[in-house]
Amino acid sequence: MNPARGEAALRIAGETVTLRPSFQALVAAEEELGPLFALVERAAAGELRLSELVSLFWHCRHDAPAAMTRDMLGEAVAAGGLATATPALRMLLGQILQGR
């Protein structure tokens, strides 16, 4: 994981997955979720949905195990709770706003 690149780590099923907000990942997330600035605003207002959080993580996953599915990621985020996912979300949202 490289925080200078805006990467965040997330523990999923005993594995550490690197989340990297690359241009390609953010474009894919935006295509699914709508404008990223609106996503950041919803998060700041406490209105970000779990499905949106998982979608952002899914598109930004960098080195997830090949067998990991989106449903597995969602279940792991739900099992870990929002407190566990918040540091990674904060890092990704910061990169969306500030860039590299």
Protein backbone atom coordinates (compact mmCIF):
# COMPACT_ATOMS: atom_id res chain seq x y z
CA MET A 1 0.00 0.00 0.00
CA ASN A 2 1.26 3.47 -0.90
CA PRO A 3 -0.58 6.35 0.85
CA ALA A 4 1.26 8.85 -1.38
CA ARG A 5 -0.69 7.39 -4.31
CA GLY A 6 -3.94 7.62 -2.38
CA GLU A 7 -4.04 3.90 -1.74
CA ALA A 8 -5.91 2.50 1.23
CA ALA A 9 -5.87 -0.95 2.80
CA LEU A 10 -8.92 -2.98 3.70
CA ARG A 11 -8.91 -6.34 5.50
CA ILE A 12 -11.28 -8.76 3.84
CA ALA A 13 -11.62 -12.38 4.87
CA GLY A 14 -8.17 -12.35 6.46
CA GLU A 15 -6.53 -10.75 3.40
CA THR A 16 -5.37 -7.17 2.96
CA VAL A 17 -6.75 -5.66 -0.23
CA THR A 18 -5.26 -2.46 -1.62
CA LEU A 19 -7.75 0.10 -2.87
CA ARG A 20 -6.23 2.37 -5.52
CA PRO A 21 -8.27 5.30 -6.89
CA SER A 22 -6.78 5.24 -10.39
CA PHE A 23 -8.35 7.26 -13.19
CA GLN A 24 -9.77 4.10 -14.73
CA ALA A 25 -11.23 2.95 -11.40
CA LEU A 26 -12.84 6.31 -10.70
CA VAL A 27 -14.31 6.53 -14.19
CA ALA A 28 -15.86 3.07 -13.74
CA ALA A 29 -17.22 4.07 -10.33
CA GLU A 30 -18.65 7.29 -11.74
CA GLU A 31 -20.35 5.43 -14.59
CA GLU A 32 -22.13 3.27 -12.03
CA LEU A 33 -22.71 5.75 -9.20
CA GLY A 34 -23.04 9.09 -10.94
CA PRO A 35 -20.86 12.16 -10.42
CA LEU A 36 -18.11 11.60 -7.87
CA PHE A 37 -18.53 15.05 -6.35
CA ALA A 38 -22.16 14.15 -5.53
CA LEU A 39 -20.89 10.91 -3.97
CA VAL A 40 -18.50 12.91 -1.78
CA GLU A 41 -21.32 15.26 -0.79
CA ARG A 42 -23.57 12.33 0.17
CA ALA A 43 -20.77 10.86 2.24
CA ALA A 44 -20.16 14.19 4.00
CA ALA A 45 -23.87 14.46 4.77
CA GLY A 46 -23.97 10.91 6.16
CA GLU A 47 -26.14 9.75 3.28
CA LEU A 48 -23.77 7.37 1.52
CA ARG A 49 -25.41 4.00 1.03
CA LEU A 50 -23.64 0.75 1.80
CA SER A 51 -24.10 -0.30 -1.82
CA GLU A 52 -22.33 2.88 -2.97
CA LEU A 53 -19.45 2.28 -0.57
CA VAL A 54 -19.04 -1.29 -1.81
CA SER A 55 -19.24 -0.14 -5.44
CA LEU A 56 -16.48 2.41 -4.90
CA PHE A 57 -14.33 -0.18 -3.15
CA TRP A 58 -15.03 -2.73 -5.88
CA HIS A 59 -13.91 -0.44 -8.67
CA CYS A 60 -10.82 0.69 -6.73
CA ARG A 61 -9.64 -2.79 -5.68
CA HIS A 62 -6.13 -3.33 -6.90
CA ASP A 63 -4.75 -6.61 -5.64
CA ALA A 64 -7.82 -8.48 -4.48
CA PRO A 65 -7.70 -12.26 -4.75
CA ALA A 66 -8.96 -13.41 -8.14
CA ALA A 67 -11.67 -15.51 -6.49
CA MET A 68 -13.16 -12.51 -4.65
CA THR A 69 -16.57 -11.52 -5.95
CA ARG A 70 -18.40 -8.27 -5.43
CA ASP A 71 -20.85 -10.05 -3.13
CA MET A 72 -17.95 -11.34 -1.03
CA LEU A 73 -16.58 -7.81 -0.75
CA GLY A 74 -19.99 -6.51 0.29
CA GLU A 75 -20.44 -9.22 2.89
CA ALA A 76 -16.97 -8.55 4.29
CA VAL A 77 -17.65 -4.81 4.55
CA ALA A 78 -20.98 -5.48 6.26
CA ALA A 79 -19.40 -8.01 8.64
CA GLY A 80 -16.56 -5.62 9.52
CA GLY A 81 -18.88 -2.71 10.08
CA LEU A 82 -18.66 0.87 8.95
CA ALA A 83 -16.02 1.71 11.54
CA THR A 84 -13.66 -0.72 9.84
CA ALA A 85 -14.40 0.61 6.34
CA THR A 86 -14.32 4.32 7.22
CA PRO A 87 -10.52 4.89 7.11
CA ALA A 88 -10.32 3.43 3.60
CA LEU A 89 -13.37 5.41 2.50
CA ARG A 90 -11.90 8.61 3.93
CA MET A 91 -8.65 8.06 2.00
CA LEU A 92 -10.47 7.41 -1.29
CA LEU A 93 -12.79 10.39 -0.89
CA GLY A 94 -9.82 12.60 -0.05
CA GLN A 95 -8.11 11.52 -3.25
CA ILE A 96 -11.25 12.22 -5.27
CA LEU A 97 -11.31 15.76 -3.92
CA GLN A 98 -7.60 16.54 -3.88
CA GLY A 99 -6.14 14.39 -6.62
CA ARG A 100 -2.51 13.37 -6.57
